[in-house]
């Protein structure tokens, strides 16, 4: 499974552009804010946007909760996409997400500014 990363500050439009980037790089799944998305629908996970505060949202987005992490990891590995787009606010965040979900480090990093 290959990983493509889309990195940019919060509120910069990563989620909005994710579908276009996924299509451009032939990604079959997207990891965004604690969710696994395939074919435009949520397959597993819980959105970090629903959390009550910023700390809880970050914890959700990087899969620190064991039950949440296992739900998404299991669904991801069952689906076996060839390529996954992972969204994050920094390269460090992308690496944390990849490690939590047992994904390889990204082969390509796209900056939202580009």
Protein backbone atom coordinates (compact mmCIF):
# COMPACT_ATOMS: atom_id res chain seq x y z
CA UNK A 1 0.00 0.00 0.00
CA UNK A 2 1.42 3.36 -1.07
CA UNK A 3 0.77 6.62 0.79
CA UNK A 4 0.43 10.11 -0.63
CA UNK A 5 0.31 13.00 1.87
CA UNK A 6 -1.56 16.29 1.53
CA UNK A 7 -0.19 18.80 4.04
CA UNK A 8 -1.43 22.28 4.92
CA UNK A 9 -2.57 24.46 7.80
CA UNK A 10 -5.97 23.99 9.41
CA UNK A 11 -8.65 25.68 7.34
CA UNK A 12 -6.55 25.76 4.16
CA UNK A 13 -8.94 23.60 2.10
CA UNK A 14 -7.32 20.17 2.35
CA UNK A 15 -10.61 18.31 2.81
CA UNK A 16 -12.20 20.30 0.01
CA UNK A 17 -9.38 19.41 -2.42
CA UNK A 18 -8.86 15.84 -1.23
CA UNK A 19 -11.12 14.27 -3.84
CA UNK A 20 -9.35 16.01 -6.68
CA UNK A 21 -5.89 15.09 -5.34
CA UNK A 22 -6.98 11.49 -4.72
CA UNK A 23 -8.20 11.23 -8.31
CA UNK A 24 -5.04 12.85 -9.68
CA UNK A 25 -2.77 10.43 -7.75
CA UNK A 26 -5.01 7.37 -8.19
CA UNK A 27 -5.74 7.00 -4.46
CA UNK A 28 -8.50 4.56 -3.59
CA UNK A 29 -8.96 5.78 -0.01
CA UNK A 30 -8.58 8.97 2.01
CA UNK A 31 -7.67 9.38 5.68
CA UNK A 32 -8.98 12.76 6.85
CA UNK A 33 -9.66 14.04 10.39
CA UNK A 34 -10.03 10.56 11.89
CA UNK A 35 -12.10 9.13 9.04
CA UNK A 36 -11.50 6.51 6.37
CA UNK A 37 -13.27 7.59 3.19
CA UNK A 38 -13.75 5.49 0.04
CA UNK A 39 -15.81 6.35 -3.02
CA UNK A 40 -16.96 9.56 -1.36
CA UNK A 41 -18.43 7.87 1.70
CA UNK A 42 -17.23 7.35 5.26
CA UNK A 43 -16.25 3.70 5.74
CA UNK A 44 -14.86 3.88 9.29
CA UNK A 45 -13.88 6.27 12.04
CA UNK A 46 -15.27 9.29 13.82
CA UNK A 47 -14.65 12.86 12.71
CA UNK A 48 -12.28 14.98 14.76
CA UNK A 49 -14.51 17.92 13.88
CA UNK A 50 -17.12 16.58 16.29
CA UNK A 51 -14.81 16.81 19.29
CA UNK A 52 -15.49 19.39 22.00
CA UNK A 53 -12.03 20.95 22.04
CA UNK A 54 -8.86 21.24 19.98
CA UNK A 55 -6.84 18.75 22.05
CA UNK A 56 -9.52 16.07 21.71
CA UNK A 57 -9.75 16.81 17.97
CA UNK A 58 -6.01 16.34 17.47
CA UNK A 59 -6.05 13.12 19.50
CA UNK A 60 -8.90 11.82 17.31
CA UNK A 61 -7.21 12.90 14.04
CA UNK A 62 -3.96 11.08 14.89
CA UNK A 63 -5.74 7.95 16.16
CA UNK A 64 -4.58 7.98 19.78
CA UNK A 65 -7.76 6.25 20.98
CA UNK A 66 -7.14 2.50 20.68
CA UNK A 67 -10.70 1.51 19.76
CA UNK A 68 -10.94 4.23 17.09
CA UNK A 69 -7.50 3.32 15.71
CA UNK A 70 -8.38 -0.39 15.49
CA UNK A 71 -11.71 0.32 13.77
CA UNK A 72 -10.04 2.37 11.03
CA UNK A 73 -6.96 0.15 10.72
CA UNK A 74 -9.12 -2.96 10.38
CA UNK A 75 -11.36 -1.38 7.74
CA UNK A 76 -8.35 -0.04 5.85
CA UNK A 77 -6.53 -3.34 5.79
CA UNK A 78 -9.72 -5.22 4.83
CA UNK A 79 -10.25 -2.87 1.87
CA UNK A 80 -6.60 -3.20 0.77
CA UNK A 81 -6.41 -0.04 -1.34
CA UNK A 82 -3.30 0.23 -3.51
CA UNK A 83 -2.81 3.88 -2.64
CA UNK A 84 -4.07 6.05 0.24
CA UNK A 85 -4.20 9.83 0.55
CA UNK A 86 -3.49 11.00 4.12
CA UNK A 87 -4.34 14.59 5.10
CA UNK A 88 -2.60 16.46 7.90
CA UNK A 89 -1.43 19.84 9.12
CA UNK A 90 2.26 18.84 9.16
CA UNK A 91 4.60 16.11 8.01
CA UNK A 92 4.93 15.03 11.64
CA UNK A 93 1.17 14.57 11.86
CA UNK A 94 1.18 12.50 8.66
CA UNK A 95 3.93 10.26 10.07
CA UNK A 96 2.00 9.78 13.33
CA UNK A 97 -1.13 8.80 11.41
CA UNK A 98 0.80 6.39 9.19
CA UNK A 99 2.46 4.75 12.17
CA UNK A 100 -0.83 4.47 14.08
CA UNK A 101 -2.49 2.74 11.12
CA UNK A 102 0.54 0.60 10.18
CA UNK A 103 0.97 2.42 6.88
CA UNK A 104 4.31 3.11 5.21
CA UNK A 105 5.66 6.65 5.30
CA UNK A 106 4.46 8.74 2.34
CA UNK A 107 6.16 8.32 -1.01
CA UNK A 108 4.96 11.77 -2.08
CA UNK A 109 4.17 14.87 0.00
CA UNK A 110 1.97 17.52 -1.58
CA UNK A 111 1.77 20.92 0.06
CA UNK A 112 -1.61 22.63 -0.22
CA UNK A 113 0.16 25.86 -1.22
CA UNK A 114 1.44 24.11 -4.34
